[in-house]
Amino acid sequence: MSDLEDLKKELEVIELEERLEMVQLIAADAADGPQSPNGNSSCCFGSGH
């Protein structure tokens, strides 16, 4: 039975990691979005300064 519990824990961790990745992707998209065209992510690369 302990093996089954370990598998459940591993699955929970994988699901949490996938959700975290999704949240990070969405946050990155929002940072690059029209709300902040000169945000931290784009100001250093696009500009010639």
PDB file of N, CA and C in Angstrom:
ATOM      1  N   MET A   1       0.840  -1.212   0.000  1.00  0.00           N
ATOM      2  CA  MET A   1       0.000   0.000   0.000  1.00  0.00           C
ATOM      3  C   MET A   1       0.871   1.257   0.000  1.00  0.00           C
ATOM      4  N   SER A   2       2.059   1.174   0.588  1.00  0.00           N
ATOM      5  CA  SER A   2       2.902   2.368   0.639  1.00  0.00           C
ATOM      6  C   SER A   2       3.360   2.763  -0.763  1.00  0.00           C
ATOM      7  N   ASP A   3       3.562   1.777  -1.647  1.00  0.00           N
ATOM      8  CA  ASP A   3       3.954   2.101  -3.022  1.00  0.00           C
ATOM      9  C   ASP A   3       2.867   2.930  -3.693  1.00  0.00           C
ATOM     10  N   LEU A   4       1.622   2.565  -3.460  1.00  0.00           N
ATOM     11  CA  LEU A   4       0.516   3.302  -4.067  1.00  0.00           C
ATOM     12  C   LEU A   4       0.485   4.738  -3.543  1.00  0.00           C
ATOM     13  N   GLU A   5       0.735   4.892  -2.263  1.00  0.00           N
ATOM     14  CA  GLU A   5       0.741   6.240  -1.682  1.00  0.00           C
ATOM     15  C   GLU A   5       1.883   7.071  -2.269  1.00  0.00           C
ATOM     16  N   ASP A   6       3.036   6.431  -2.472  1.00  0.00           N
ATOM     17  CA  ASP A   6       4.166   7.153  -3.060  1.00  0.00           C
ATOM     18  C   ASP A   6       3.824   7.615  -4.471  1.00  0.00           C
ATOM     19  N   LEU A   7       3.152   6.747  -5.239  1.00  0.00           N
ATOM     20  CA  LEU A   7       2.765   7.117  -6.600  1.00  0.00           C
ATOM     21  C   LEU A   7       1.810   8.298  -6.580  1.00  0.00           C
ATOM     22  N   LYS A   8       0.874   8.281  -5.637  1.00  0.00           N
ATOM     23  CA  LYS A   8      -0.083   9.391  -5.546  1.00  0.00           C
ATOM     24  C   LYS A   8       0.654  10.691  -5.246  1.00  0.00           C
ATOM     25  N   LYS A   9       1.626  10.635  -4.345  1.00  0.00           N
ATOM     26  CA  LYS A   9       2.379  11.843  -4.003  1.00  0.00           C
ATOM     27  C   LYS A   9       3.145  12.348  -5.218  1.00  0.00           C
ATOM     28  N   GLU A  10       3.756  11.418  -5.973  1.00  0.00           N
ATOM     29  CA  GLU A  10       4.513  11.827  -7.162  1.00  0.00           C
ATOM     30  C   GLU A  10       3.590  12.494  -8.171  1.00  0.00           C
ATOM     31  N   LEU A  11       2.405  11.928  -8.365  1.00  0.00           N
ATOM     32  CA  LEU A  11       1.447  12.507  -9.309  1.00  0.00           C
ATOM     33  C   LEU A  11       1.045  13.907  -8.861  1.00  0.00           C
ATOM     34  N   GLU A  12       0.818  14.081  -7.570  1.00  0.00           N
ATOM     35  CA  GLU A  12       0.427  15.401  -7.061  1.00  0.00           C
ATOM     36  C   GLU A  12       1.533  16.414  -7.331  1.00  0.00           C
ATOM     37  N   VAL A  13       2.776  16.020  -7.121  1.00  0.00           N
ATOM     38  CA  VAL A  13       3.906  16.931  -7.347  1.00  0.00           C
ATOM     39  C   VAL A  13       3.978  17.308  -8.819  1.00  0.00           C
ATOM     40  N   ILE A  14       3.806  16.311  -9.706  1.00  0.00           N
ATOM     41  CA  ILE A  14       3.867  16.585 -11.148  1.00  0.00           C
ATOM     42  C   ILE A  14       2.761  17.552 -11.540  1.00  0.00           C
ATOM     43  N   GLU A  15       1.558  17.328 -11.018  1.00  0.00           N
ATOM     44  CA  GLU A  15       0.437  18.214 -11.358  1.00  0.00           C
ATOM     45  C   GLU A  15       0.720  19.636 -10.875  1.00  0.00           C
ATOM     46  N   LEU A  16       1.275  19.762  -9.669  1.00  0.00           N
ATOM     47  CA  LEU A  16       1.575  21.095  -9.137  1.00  0.00           C
ATOM     48  C   LEU A  16       2.630  21.786  -9.990  1.00  0.00           C
ATOM     49  N   GLU A  17       3.649  21.024 -10.429  1.00  0.00           N
ATOM     50  CA  GLU A  17       4.700  21.622 -11.256  1.00  0.00           C
ATOM     51  C   GLU A  17       4.129  22.091 -12.581  1.00  0.00           C
ATOM     52  N   GLU A  18       3.211  21.290 -13.157  1.00  0.00           N
ATOM     53  CA  GLU A  18       2.614  21.681 -14.435  1.00  0.00           C
ATOM     54  C   GLU A  18       1.787  22.953 -14.266  1.00  0.00           C
ATOM     55  N   ARG A  19       1.042  23.033 -13.171  1.00  0.00           N
ATOM     56  CA  ARG A  19       0.242  24.244 -12.928  1.00  0.00           C
ATOM     57  C   ARG A  19       1.158  25.455 -12.756  1.00  0.00           C
ATOM     58  N   LEU A  20       2.264  25.262 -12.048  1.00  0.00           N
ATOM     59  CA  LEU A  20       3.206  26.361 -11.827  1.00  0.00           C
ATOM     60  C   LEU A  20       3.762  26.841 -13.163  1.00  0.00           C
ATOM     61  N   GLU A  21       4.100  25.896 -14.059  1.00  0.00           N
ATOM     62  CA  GLU A  21       4.608  26.277 -15.378  1.00  0.00           C
ATOM     63  C   GLU A  21       3.565  27.086 -16.135  1.00  0.00           C
ATOM     64  N   MET A  22       2.315  26.641 -16.079  1.00  0.00           N
ATOM     65  CA  MET A  22       1.244  27.351 -16.783  1.00  0.00           C
ATOM     66  C   MET A  22       1.122  28.775 -16.243  1.00  0.00           C
ATOM     67  N   VAL A  23       1.161  28.905 -14.914  1.00  0.00           N
ATOM     68  CA  VAL A  23       1.030  30.234 -14.309  1.00  0.00           C
ATOM     69  C   VAL A  23       2.188  31.128 -14.746  1.00  0.00           C
ATOM     70  N   GLN A  24       3.400  30.556 -14.784  1.00  0.00           N
ATOM     71  CA  GLN A  24       4.561  31.353 -15.186  1.00  0.00           C
ATOM     72  C   GLN A  24       4.441  31.778 -16.640  1.00  0.00           C
ATOM     73  N   LEU A  25       3.947  30.861 -17.508  1.00  0.00           N
ATOM     74  CA  LEU A  25       3.772  31.202 -18.922  1.00  0.00           C
ATOM     75  C   LEU A  25       2.754  32.322 -19.069  1.00  0.00           C
ATOM     76  N   ILE A  26       1.650  32.203 -18.343  1.00  0.00           N
ATOM     77  CA  ILE A  26       0.599  33.228 -18.428  1.00  0.00           C
ATOM     78  C   ILE A  26       1.146  34.563 -17.925  1.00  0.00           C
ATOM     79  N   ALA A  27       1.907  34.522 -16.844  1.00  0.00           N
ATOM     80  CA  ALA A  27       2.469  35.758 -16.300  1.00  0.00           C
ATOM     81  C   ALA A  27       3.443  36.375 -17.297  1.00  0.00           C
ATOM     82  N   ALA A  28       4.239  35.545 -17.969  1.00  0.00           N
ATOM     83  CA  ALA A  28       5.176  36.064 -18.966  1.00  0.00           C
ATOM     84  C   ALA A  28       4.416  36.683 -20.124  1.00  0.00           C
ATOM     85  N   ASP A  29       3.347  36.032 -20.563  1.00  0.00           N
ATOM     86  CA  ASP A  29       2.533  36.583 -21.650  1.00  0.00           C
ATOM     87  C   ASP A  29       1.933  37.916 -21.220  1.00  0.00           C
ATOM     88  N   ALA A  30       1.476  38.002 -19.995  1.00  0.00           N
ATOM     89  CA  ALA A  30       0.858  39.237 -19.513  1.00  0.00           C
ATOM     90  C   ALA A  30       1.906  40.354 -19.458  1.00  0.00           C
ATOM     91  N   ALA A  31       3.126  40.011 -19.068  1.00  0.00           N
ATOM     92  CA  ALA A  31       4.179  41.018 -18.980  1.00  0.00           C
ATOM     93  C   ALA A  31       4.544  41.533 -20.371  1.00  0.00           C
ATOM     94  N   ASP A  32       4.455  40.654 -21.377  1.00  0.00           N
ATOM     95  CA  ASP A  32       4.789  41.063 -22.744  1.00  0.00           C
ATOM     96  C   ASP A  32       3.591  41.650 -23.463  1.00  0.00           C
ATOM     97  N   GLY A  33       2.437  41.616 -22.835  1.00  0.00           N
ATOM     98  CA  GLY A  33       1.199  42.030 -23.487  1.00  0.00           C
ATOM     99  C   GLY A  33       1.083  43.534 -23.645  1.00  0.00           C
ATOM    100  N   PRO A  34      -0.026  43.987 -24.201  1.00  0.00           N
ATOM    101  CA  PRO A  34      -0.239  45.409 -24.477  1.00  0.00           C
ATOM    102  C   PRO A  34      -0.360  46.253 -23.209  1.00  0.00           C
ATOM    103  N   GLN A  35      -0.602  45.609 -22.053  1.00  0.00           N
ATOM    104  CA  GLN A  35      -0.742  46.380 -20.819  1.00  0.00           C
ATOM    105  C   GLN A  35       0.572  47.085 -20.480  1.00  0.00           C
ATOM    106  N   SER A  36       1.704  46.430 -20.767  1.00  0.00           N
ATOM    107  CA  SER A  36       2.998  47.018 -20.428  1.00  0.00           C
ATOM    108  C   SER A  36       3.984  46.792 -21.571  1.00  0.00           C
ATOM    109  N   PRO A  37       3.864  47.562 -22.649  1.00  0.00           N
ATOM    110  CA  PRO A  37       4.758  47.377 -23.800  1.00  0.00           C
ATOM    111  C   PRO A  37       6.211  47.655 -23.454  1.00  0.00           C
ATOM    112  N   ASN A  38       6.444  48.498 -22.450  1.00  0.00           N
ATOM    113  CA  ASN A  38       7.809  48.814 -22.033  1.00  0.00           C
ATOM    114  C   ASN A  38       8.118  48.177 -20.682  1.00  0.00           C
ATOM    115  N   GLY A  39       7.639  46.950 -20.508  1.00  0.00           N
ATOM    116  CA  GLY A  39       7.844  46.255 -19.240  1.00  0.00           C
ATOM    117  C   GLY A  39       9.281  45.818 -19.057  1.00  0.00           C
ATOM    118  N   ASN A  40       9.577  45.231 -17.909  1.00  0.00           N
ATOM    119  CA  ASN A  40      10.944  44.826 -17.607  1.00  0.00           C
ATOM    120  C   ASN A  40      11.476  43.825 -18.619  1.00  0.00           C
ATOM    121  N   SER A  41      10.587  42.982 -19.174  1.00  0.00           N
ATOM    122  CA  SER A  41      11.052  41.907 -20.038  1.00  0.00           C
ATOM    123  C   SER A  41      11.483  42.429 -21.397  1.00  0.00           C
ATOM    124  N   SER A  42      10.886  43.536 -21.864  1.00  0.00           N
ATOM    125  CA  SER A  42      11.154  43.999 -23.228  1.00  0.00           C
ATOM    126  C   SER A  42      12.016  45.258 -23.272  1.00  0.00           C
ATOM    127  N   CYS A  43      12.114  46.011 -22.191  1.00  0.00           N
ATOM    128  CA  CYS A  43      12.781  47.316 -22.251  1.00  0.00           C
ATOM    129  C   CYS A  43      14.275  47.146 -22.495  1.00  0.00           C
ATOM    130  N   CYS A  44      14.860  46.089 -21.979  1.00  0.00           N
ATOM    131  CA  CYS A  44      16.307  45.929 -22.068  1.00  0.00           C
ATOM    132  C   CYS A  44      16.734  45.364 -23.413  1.00  0.00           C
ATOM    133  N   PHE A  45      15.851  44.637 -24.109  1.00  0.00           N
ATOM    134  CA  PHE A  45      16.234  43.967 -25.346  1.00  0.00           C
ATOM    135  C   PHE A  45      15.911  44.825 -26.569  1.00  0.00           C
ATOM    136  N   GLY A  46      14.674  45.317 -26.667  1.00  0.00           N
ATOM    137  CA  GLY A  46      14.224  46.001 -27.875  1.00  0.00           C
ATOM    138  C   GLY A  46      14.864  47.361 -28.068  1.00  0.00           C
ATOM    139  N   SER A  47      15.141  48.083 -27.011  1.00  0.00           N
ATOM    140  CA  SER A  47      15.629  49.456 -27.144  1.00  0.00           C
ATOM    141  C   SER A  47      17.133  49.469 -27.384  1.00  0.00           C
ATOM    142  N   GLY A  48      17.627  50.535 -27.991  1.00  0.00           N
ATOM    143  CA  GLY A  48      19.055  50.638 -28.280  1.00  0.00           C
ATOM    144  C   GLY A  48      19.842  51.273 -27.161  1.00  0.00           C
ATOM    145  N   HIS A  49      19.241  51.459 -26.009  1.00  0.00           N
ATOM    146  CA  HIS A  49      19.931  52.130 -24.907  1.00  0.00           C
ATOM    147  C   HIS A  49      20.857  51.150 -24.209  1.00  0.00           C
TER     148      HIS A  49
END
